PDB file of N, CA and C in Angstrom:
ATOM      1  N   UNK A   1       0.075   9.132  -7.458  1.00  0.00           N
ATOM      2  CA  UNK A   1       1.792   9.311  -7.738  1.00  0.00           C
ATOM      3  C   UNK A   1       2.067   9.116  -6.420  1.00  0.00           C
ATOM      4  N   UNK A   2       3.085   8.972  -6.066  1.00  0.00           N
ATOM      5  CA  UNK A   2       3.972   8.757  -4.749  1.00  0.00           C
ATOM      6  C   UNK A   2       5.367   9.068  -5.217  1.00  0.00           C
ATOM      7  N   UNK A   3       5.505  10.232  -4.449  1.00  0.00           N
ATOM      8  CA  UNK A   3       6.913  11.048  -4.687  1.00  0.00           C
ATOM      9  C   UNK A   3       7.741  10.654  -3.185  1.00  0.00           C
ATOM     10  N   UNK A   4       9.072  10.764  -3.240  1.00  0.00           N
ATOM     11  CA  UNK A   4       9.918  10.508  -1.921  1.00  0.00           C
ATOM     12  C   UNK A   4      10.781  11.835  -1.950  1.00  0.00           C
ATOM     13  N   UNK A   5      10.756  12.679  -1.009  1.00  0.00           N
ATOM     14  CA  UNK A   5      11.474  13.886  -1.338  1.00  0.00           C
ATOM     15  C   UNK A   5      12.274  13.714   0.312  1.00  0.00           C
ATOM     16  N   UNK A   6      13.073  15.026   0.315  1.00  0.00           N
ATOM     17  CA  UNK A   6      14.013  15.343   1.486  1.00  0.00           C
ATOM     18  C   UNK A   6      14.192  16.669   1.563  1.00  0.00           C
ATOM     19  N   UNK A   7      15.389  17.401   1.821  1.00  0.00           N
ATOM     20  CA  UNK A   7      15.359  18.695   1.540  1.00  0.00           C
ATOM     21  C   UNK A   7      16.740  18.749   0.716  1.00  0.00           C
ATOM     22  N   UNK A   8      17.102  19.884   0.970  1.00  0.00           N
ATOM     23  CA  UNK A   8      18.281  20.183  -0.314  1.00  0.00           C
ATOM     24  C   UNK A   8      19.682  19.892   0.345  1.00  0.00           C
ATOM     25  N   UNK A   9      19.612  19.533   1.550  1.00  0.00           N
ATOM     26  CA  UNK A   9      20.850  18.625   2.112  1.00  0.00           C
ATOM     27  C   UNK A   9      21.566  16.999   1.688  1.00  0.00           C
ATOM     28  N   UNK A  10      22.330  16.658   1.665  1.00  0.00           N
ATOM     29  CA  UNK A  10      22.820  15.534   1.434  1.00  0.00           C
ATOM     30  C   UNK A  10      22.394  14.575   2.619  1.00  0.00           C
ATOM     31  N   UNK A  11      22.628  14.701   3.464  1.00  0.00           N
ATOM     32  CA  UNK A  11      22.340  14.275   4.692  1.00  0.00           C
ATOM     33  C   UNK A  11      20.953  14.668   5.805  1.00  0.00           C
ATOM     34  N   UNK A  12      20.114  13.629   5.823  1.00  0.00           N
ATOM     35  CA  UNK A  12      18.816  14.427   6.807  1.00  0.00           C
ATOM     36  C   UNK A  12      18.182  13.127   7.702  1.00  0.00           C
ATOM     37  N   UNK A  13      17.370  13.894   8.460  1.00  0.00           N
ATOM     38  CA  UNK A  13      16.686  12.497   9.276  1.00  0.00           C
ATOM     39  C   UNK A  13      15.369  12.786   9.107  1.00  0.00           C
ATOM     40  N   UNK A  14      14.658  13.443   8.363  1.00  0.00           N
ATOM     41  CA  UNK A  14      13.392  13.046   7.808  1.00  0.00           C
ATOM     42  C   UNK A  14      13.164  12.840   6.308  1.00  0.00           C
ATOM     43  N   UNK A  15      11.835  12.116   5.980  1.00  0.00           N
ATOM     44  CA  UNK A  15      11.748  11.946   4.467  1.00  0.00           C
ATOM     45  C   UNK A  15      10.302  12.240   4.393  1.00  0.00           C
ATOM     46  N   UNK A  16      10.111  12.634   3.100  1.00  0.00           N
ATOM     47  CA  UNK A  16       8.815  13.106   2.920  1.00  0.00           C
ATOM     48  C   UNK A  16       8.102  12.163   1.975  1.00  0.00           C
ATOM     49  N   UNK A  17       6.675  11.858   1.972  1.00  0.00           N
ATOM     50  CA  UNK A  17       6.176  10.943   0.930  1.00  0.00           C
ATOM     51  C   UNK A  17       5.336  11.607   0.517  1.00  0.00           C
ATOM     52  N   UNK A  18       5.205  11.966  -0.874  1.00  0.00           N
ATOM     53  CA  UNK A  18       4.419  12.830  -1.210  1.00  0.00           C
ATOM     54  C   UNK A  18       3.212  12.490  -2.252  1.00  0.00           C
ATOM     55  N   UNK A  19       2.149  12.217  -1.889  1.00  0.00           N
ATOM     56  CA  UNK A  19       0.967  11.652  -2.322  1.00  0.00           C
ATOM     57  C   UNK A  19       0.133  12.587  -3.418  1.00  0.00           C
ATOM     58  N   UNK A  20      -0.023  12.491  -4.530  1.00  0.00           N
ATOM     59  CA  UNK A  20      -1.008  13.700  -5.401  1.00  0.00           C
ATOM     60  C   UNK A  20      -1.598  12.483  -6.596  1.00  0.00           C
ATOM     61  N   UNK A  21      -2.985  12.980  -6.535  1.00  0.00           N
ATOM     62  CA  UNK A  21      -3.759  12.364  -7.485  1.00  0.00           C
ATOM     63  C   UNK A  21      -4.753  13.552  -7.694  1.00  0.00           C
ATOM     64  N   UNK A  22      -5.557  13.096  -8.684  1.00  0.00           N
ATOM     65  CA  UNK A  22      -6.876  14.303  -9.158  1.00  0.00           C
ATOM     66  C   UNK A  22      -8.015  13.463  -8.104  1.00  0.00           C
ATOM     67  N   UNK A  23      -8.098  12.557  -7.570  1.00  0.00           N
ATOM     68  CA  UNK A  23      -9.317  11.872  -6.814  1.00  0.00           C
ATOM     69  C   UNK A  23      -8.985  11.935  -5.291  1.00  0.00           C
ATOM     70  N   UNK A  24      -9.830  12.730  -4.472  1.00  0.00           N
ATOM     71  CA  UNK A  24      -9.631  12.852  -3.425  1.00  0.00           C
ATOM     72  C   UNK A  24      -9.737  11.812  -2.547  1.00  0.00           C
ATOM     73  N   UNK A  25     -10.494  11.324  -2.782  1.00  0.00           N
ATOM     74  CA  UNK A  25     -10.903   9.907  -2.116  1.00  0.00           C
ATOM     75  C   UNK A  25     -10.032   8.871  -2.314  1.00  0.00           C
ATOM     76  N   UNK A  26      -9.639   8.427  -3.760  1.00  0.00           N
ATOM     77  CA  UNK A  26      -8.063   8.128  -3.856  1.00  0.00           C
ATOM     78  C   UNK A  26      -7.133   8.325  -3.101  1.00  0.00           C
ATOM     79  N   UNK A  27      -6.774   9.659  -2.715  1.00  0.00           N
ATOM     80  CA  UNK A  27      -5.665  10.112  -2.196  1.00  0.00           C
ATOM     81  C   UNK A  27      -5.697   9.827  -0.756  1.00  0.00           C
ATOM     82  N   UNK A  28      -6.759   9.834   0.099  1.00  0.00           N
ATOM     83  CA  UNK A  28      -7.248   9.267   1.266  1.00  0.00           C
ATOM     84  C   UNK A  28      -6.584   8.019   1.620  1.00  0.00           C
ATOM     85  N   UNK A  29      -7.442   6.993   0.750  1.00  0.00           N
ATOM     86  CA  UNK A  29      -7.040   5.724   1.110  1.00  0.00           C
ATOM     87  C   UNK A  29      -5.385   5.164   0.764  1.00  0.00           C
ATOM     88  N   UNK A  30      -4.615   6.170  -0.422  1.00  0.00           N
ATOM     89  CA  UNK A  30      -3.391   5.857  -0.584  1.00  0.00           C
ATOM     90  C   UNK A  30      -2.747   6.559   0.537  1.00  0.00           C
ATOM     91  N   UNK A  31      -2.893   7.636   1.341  1.00  0.00           N
ATOM     92  CA  UNK A  31      -1.872   8.167   2.324  1.00  0.00           C
ATOM     93  C   UNK A  31      -2.281   7.199   3.338  1.00  0.00           C
ATOM     94  N   UNK A  32      -3.578   6.571   3.720  1.00  0.00           N
ATOM     95  CA  UNK A  32      -3.768   5.588   4.748  1.00  0.00           C
ATOM     96  C   UNK A  32      -3.043   4.301   4.807  1.00  0.00           C
ATOM     97  N   UNK A  33      -2.867   4.045   3.499  1.00  0.00           N
ATOM     98  CA  UNK A  33      -2.040   2.588   3.249  1.00  0.00           C
ATOM     99  C   UNK A  33      -0.518   2.924   3.329  1.00  0.00           C
ATOM    100  N   UNK A  34      -0.190   3.906   2.644  1.00  0.00           N
ATOM    101  CA  UNK A  34       1.103   4.458   3.046  1.00  0.00           C
ATOM    102  C   UNK A  34       1.815   4.470   4.432  1.00  0.00           C
ATOM    103  N   UNK A  35       0.821   5.137   5.047  1.00  0.00           N
ATOM    104  CA  UNK A  35       0.806   5.377   6.540  1.00  0.00           C
ATOM    105  C   UNK A  35       1.276   4.007   7.450  1.00  0.00           C
ATOM    106  N   UNK A  36       0.584   2.873   7.189  1.00  0.00           N
ATOM    107  CA  UNK A  36       0.306   1.735   7.643  1.00  0.00           C
ATOM    108  C   UNK A  36       1.670   1.002   7.284  1.00  0.00           C
ATOM    109  N   UNK A  37       2.048   1.211   5.980  1.00  0.00           N
ATOM    110  CA  UNK A  37       3.170   0.110   5.472  1.00  0.00           C
ATOM    111  C   UNK A  37       4.200   0.575   6.377  1.00  0.00           C
ATOM    112  N   UNK A  38       4.376   2.376   6.232  1.00  0.00           N
ATOM    113  CA  UNK A  38       5.709   2.767   7.272  1.00  0.00           C
ATOM    114  C   UNK A  38       6.196   2.691   8.656  1.00  0.00           C
ATOM    115  N   UNK A  39       4.492   2.332   9.063  1.00  0.00           N
ATOM    116  CA  UNK A  39       4.521   2.590  10.531  1.00  0.00           C
ATOM    117  C   UNK A  39       5.077   1.277  11.241  1.00  0.00           C
ATOM    118  N   UNK A  40       5.460   0.082  10.678  1.00  0.00           N
ATOM    119  CA  UNK A  40       6.240  -1.152  11.011  1.00  0.00           C
ATOM    120  C   UNK A  40       7.629  -1.141  11.297  1.00  0.00           C
ATOM    121  N   UNK A  41       8.442  -0.035  10.285  1.00  0.00           N
ATOM    122  CA  UNK A  41       9.593   0.070  10.274  1.00  0.00           C
ATOM    123  C   UNK A  41      10.492   0.645  11.663  1.00  0.00           C
ATOM    124  N   UNK A  42      11.645   0.278  12.049  1.00  0.00           N
ATOM    125  CA  UNK A  42      11.943   0.779  13.440  1.00  0.00           C
ATOM    126  C   UNK A  42      12.823   1.967  12.961  1.00  0.00           C
ATOM    127  N   UNK A  43      13.229   2.079  11.804  1.00  0.00           N
ATOM    128  CA  UNK A  43      13.519   3.434  11.598  1.00  0.00           C
ATOM    129  C   UNK A  43      13.246   4.673  11.243  1.00  0.00           C
ATOM    130  N   UNK A  44      12.048   4.442  11.318  1.00  0.00           N
ATOM    131  CA  UNK A  44      10.868   5.898  11.486  1.00  0.00           C
ATOM    132  C   UNK A  44      10.447   5.837  12.810  1.00  0.00           C
ATOM    133  N   UNK A  45      10.895   7.020  13.017  1.00  0.00           N
ATOM    134  CA  UNK A  45      10.243   6.780  14.666  1.00  0.00           C
ATOM    135  C   UNK A  45       8.955   7.421  14.747  1.00  0.00           C
ATOM    136  N   UNK A  46       8.410   8.331  13.875  1.00  0.00           N
ATOM    137  CA  UNK A  46       6.954   8.671  13.579  1.00  0.00           C
ATOM    138  C   UNK A  46       6.783   9.589  12.641  1.00  0.00           C
ATOM    139  N   UNK A  47       5.400   9.413  12.438  1.00  0.00           N
ATOM    140  CA  UNK A  47       5.105  10.160  11.265  1.00  0.00           C
ATOM    141  C   UNK A  47       4.046  11.031  11.444  1.00  0.00           C
ATOM    142  N   UNK A  48       3.726  11.962  10.394  1.00  0.00           N
ATOM    143  CA  UNK A  48       2.638  12.986  10.533  1.00  0.00           C
ATOM    144  C   UNK A  48       2.055  13.409   8.960  1.00  0.00           C
ATOM    145  N   UNK A  49       0.934  12.995   8.734  1.00  0.00           N
ATOM    146  CA  UNK A  49      -0.063  13.482   7.907  1.00  0.00           C
ATOM    147  C   UNK A  49      -0.236  14.623   7.767  1.00  0.00           C
ATOM    148  N   UNK A  50      -0.144  15.435   6.602  1.00  0.00           N
ATOM    149  CA  UNK A  50      -0.077  16.658   6.259  1.00  0.00           C
ATOM    150  C   UNK A  50      -1.259  16.784   4.887  1.00  0.00           C
ATOM    151  N   UNK A  51      -2.289  17.724   4.637  1.00  0.00           N
ATOM    152  CA  UNK A  51      -3.067  17.933   3.893  1.00  0.00           C
ATOM    153  C   UNK A  51      -2.444  18.843   3.342  1.00  0.00           C
ATOM    154  N   UNK A  52      -2.179  18.981   1.948  1.00  0.00           N
ATOM    155  CA  UNK A  52      -1.543  20.075   1.210  1.00  0.00           C
ATOM    156  C   UNK A  52      -2.204  21.018   0.003  1.00  0.00           C
ATOM    157  N   UNK A  53      -3.616  20.315   0.040  1.00  0.00           N
ATOM    158  CA  UNK A  53      -4.395  21.347  -0.850  1.00  0.00           C
ATOM    159  C   UNK A  53      -5.003  20.105  -1.870  1.00  0.00           C
ATOM    160  N   UNK A  54      -6.218  20.534  -2.707  1.00  0.00           N
ATOM    161  CA  UNK A  54      -6.987  19.838  -3.653  1.00  0.00           C
ATOM    162  C   UNK A  54      -6.818  18.262  -3.192  1.00  0.00           C
ATOM    163  N   UNK A  55      -6.068  17.573  -3.428  1.00  0.00           N
ATOM    164  CA  UNK A  55      -6.390  16.124  -3.443  1.00  0.00           C
ATOM    165  C   UNK A  55      -4.906  15.535  -3.039  1.00  0.00           C
ATOM    166  N   UNK A  56      -4.050  16.208  -2.436  1.00  0.00           N
ATOM    167  CA  UNK A  56      -2.629  15.863  -1.984  1.00  0.00           C
ATOM    168  C   UNK A  56      -2.278  15.698  -0.454  1.00  0.00           C
ATOM    169  N   UNK A  57      -1.350  14.777  -0.255  1.00  0.00           N
ATOM    170  CA  UNK A  57      -0.791  14.463   1.138  1.00  0.00           C
ATOM    171  C   UNK A  57       0.663  14.758   1.273  1.00  0.00           C
ATOM    172  N   UNK A  58       1.071  14.945   2.327  1.00  0.00           N
ATOM    173  CA  UNK A  58       2.367  14.480   2.393  1.00  0.00           C
ATOM    174  C   UNK A  58       2.301  14.111   3.844  1.00  0.00           C
ATOM    175  N   UNK A  59       3.408  12.931   3.710  1.00  0.00           N
ATOM    176  CA  UNK A  59       3.584  12.245   5.081  1.00  0.00           C
ATOM    177  C   UNK A  59       5.193  12.608   5.712  1.00  0.00           C
ATOM    178  N   UNK A  60       5.336  13.042   6.761  1.00  0.00           N
ATOM    179  CA  UNK A  60       6.466  13.546   7.273  1.00  0.00           C
ATOM    180  C   UNK A  60       6.807  12.292   8.113  1.00  0.00           C
ATOM    181  N   UNK A  61       8.279  11.948   7.693  1.00  0.00           N
ATOM    182  CA  UNK A  61       8.443  10.605   8.715  1.00  0.00           C
ATOM    183  C   UNK A  61       9.667  11.036   9.438  1.00  0.00           C
ATOM    184  N   UNK A  62      10.025  11.007  10.348  1.00  0.00           N
ATOM    185  CA  UNK A  62      10.879  11.349  11.371  1.00  0.00           C
ATOM    186  C   UNK A  62      11.912  10.030  11.726  1.00  0.00           C
ATOM    187  N   UNK A  63      13.097  10.093  11.029  1.00  0.00           N
ATOM    188  CA  UNK A  63      13.834   8.745  11.100  1.00  0.00           C
ATOM    189  C   UNK A  63      14.996   8.864  12.555  1.00  0.00           C
ATOM    190  N   UNK A  64      15.072   7.549  12.762  1.00  0.00           N
ATOM    191  CA  UNK A  64      16.106   7.532  13.772  1.00  0.00           C
ATOM    192  C   UNK A  64      17.346   7.852  13.900  1.00  0.00           C
ATOM    193  N   UNK A  65      17.900   8.083  12.817  1.00  0.00           N
ATOM    194  CA  UNK A  65      19.261   8.604  12.364  1.00  0.00           C
ATOM    195  C   UNK A  65      19.611   9.407  11.337  1.00  0.00           C
ATOM    196  N   UNK A  66      20.437  10.015  11.046  1.00  0.00           N
ATOM    197  CA  UNK A  66      20.407  10.897   9.968  1.00  0.00           C
ATOM    198  C   UNK A  66      21.067   9.800   8.788  1.00  0.00           C
ATOM    199  N   UNK A  67      20.704  10.007   7.415  1.00  0.00           N
ATOM    200  CA  UNK A  67      21.085   9.269   6.431  1.00  0.00           C
ATOM    201  C   UNK A  67      21.378   9.913   5.412  1.00  0.00           C
ATOM    202  N   UNK A  68      22.024   9.260   4.262  1.00  0.00           N
ATOM    203  CA  UNK A  68      22.556  10.093   3.070  1.00  0.00           C
ATOM    204  C   UNK A  68      20.802   9.933   2.335  1.00  0.00           C
ATOM    205  N   UNK A  69      20.602  11.269   1.802  1.00  0.00           N
ATOM    206  CA  UNK A  69      19.072  11.141   1.317  1.00  0.00           C
ATOM    207  C   UNK A  69      18.865  10.323   0.185  1.00  0.00           C
ATOM    208  N   UNK A  70      20.291  10.117  -0.762  1.00  0.00           N
ATOM    209  CA  UNK A  70      19.881   9.178  -1.718  1.00  0.00           C
ATOM    210  C   UNK A  70      19.409   7.552  -1.019  1.00  0.00           C
ATOM    211  N   UNK A  71      19.951   7.161   0.118  1.00  0.00           N
ATOM    212  CA  UNK A  71      19.692   6.196   0.903  1.00  0.00           C
ATOM    213  C   UNK A  71      18.584   6.167   1.435  1.00  0.00           C
ATOM    214  N   UNK A  72      18.088   7.403   1.687  1.00  0.00           N
ATOM    215  CA  UNK A  72      16.306   7.039   2.379  1.00  0.00           C
ATOM    216  C   UNK A  72      15.316   7.116   1.012  1.00  0.00           C
ATOM    217  N   UNK A  73      15.477   7.620  -0.064  1.00  0.00           N
ATOM    218  CA  UNK A  73      14.897   7.696  -1.009  1.00  0.00           C
ATOM    219  C   UNK A  73      14.967   5.672  -1.655  1.00  0.00           C
ATOM    220  N   UNK A  74      15.969   5.350  -1.607  1.00  0.00           N
ATOM    221  CA  UNK A  74      15.987   3.972  -1.971  1.00  0.00           C
ATOM    222  C   UNK A  74      15.573   3.243  -1.006  1.00  0.00           C
ATOM    223  N   UNK A  75      15.586   3.393   0.366  1.00  0.00           N
ATOM    224  CA  UNK A  75      14.968   2.399   1.575  1.00  0.00           C
ATOM    225  C   UNK A  75      13.466   2.466   1.437  1.00  0.00           C
ATOM    226  N   UNK A  76      13.047   3.657   1.217  1.00  0.00           N
ATOM    227  CA  UNK A  76      11.405   3.779   0.939  1.00  0.00           C
ATOM    228  C   UNK A  76      10.932   3.315   0.209  1.00  0.00           C
ATOM    229  N   UNK A  77      11.508   3.371  -1.192  1.00  0.00           N
ATOM    230  CA  UNK A  77      11.209   2.806  -2.222  1.00  0.00           C
ATOM    231  C   UNK A  77      11.104   1.178  -2.381  1.00  0.00           C
ATOM    232  N   UNK A  78      11.851   0.634  -1.781  1.00  0.00           N
ATOM    233  CA  UNK A  78      12.009  -0.537  -1.493  1.00  0.00           C
ATOM    234  C   UNK A  78      10.924  -1.237  -0.407  1.00  0.00           C
ATOM    235  N   UNK A  79      10.665  -0.385   0.748  1.00  0.00           N
ATOM    236  CA  UNK A  79       9.433  -0.727   1.502  1.00  0.00           C
ATOM    237  C   UNK A  79       8.090  -0.825   0.728  1.00  0.00           C
ATOM    238  N   UNK A  80       7.962   0.518  -0.245  1.00  0.00           N
ATOM    239  CA  UNK A  80       6.752   0.495  -0.896  1.00  0.00           C
ATOM    240  C   UNK A  80       6.733  -0.630  -2.074  1.00  0.00           C
ATOM    241  N   UNK A  81       7.453  -1.024  -2.736  1.00  0.00           N
ATOM    242  CA  UNK A  81       7.539  -1.942  -3.845  1.00  0.00           C
ATOM    243  C   UNK A  81       7.637  -3.144  -2.941  1.00  0.00           C
ATOM    244  N   UNK A  82       7.981  -3.379  -2.173  1.00  0.00           N
ATOM    245  CA  UNK A  82       7.579  -4.933  -1.247  1.00  0.00           C
ATOM    246  C   UNK A  82       6.437  -5.053  -0.544  1.00  0.00           C
ATOM    247  N   UNK A  83       5.336  -4.069  -0.419  1.00  0.00           N
ATOM    248  CA  UNK A  83       4.119  -4.057   0.166  1.00  0.00           C
ATOM    249  C   UNK A  83       3.226  -4.202  -0.673  1.00  0.00           C
ATOM    250  N   UNK A  84       2.100  -4.221  -0.322  1.00  0.00           N
ATOM    251  CA  UNK A  84       0.943  -4.404  -1.246  1.00  0.00           C
ATOM    252  C   UNK A  84       0.265  -3.153  -1.569  1.00  0.00           C
ATOM    253  N   UNK A  85       1.044  -2.359  -1.672  1.00  0.00           N
ATOM    254  CA  UNK A  85       0.452  -0.842  -1.450  1.00  0.00           C
ATOM    255  C   UNK A  85       0.862  -0.369  -3.113  1.00  0.00           C
ATOM    256  N   UNK A  86       1.834  -1.153  -3.582  1.00  0.00           N
ATOM    257  CA  UNK A  86       2.294  -0.430  -4.939  1.00  0.00           C
ATOM    258  C   UNK A  86       1.242  -1.638  -6.035  1.00  0.00           C
TER     259      UNK A  86
END
């Protein structure tokens, strides 16, 4: 499962992609695939992968500007839906 998170603020310059599964090997592949999909977009300045326990990862994305959190979710959802990852 891939979830897209932000903070409690309405406007943010970070996005968090949360990858959760029961299979650590699948999670490793999924985080690698998601990272590679996101690295080609100019609005994403940099990314950092963090292991969050058991078989879960977060990809923290630093954005080039502050955006409405709903716009961030929509943008990332479109990026993933238009990729071969989903």
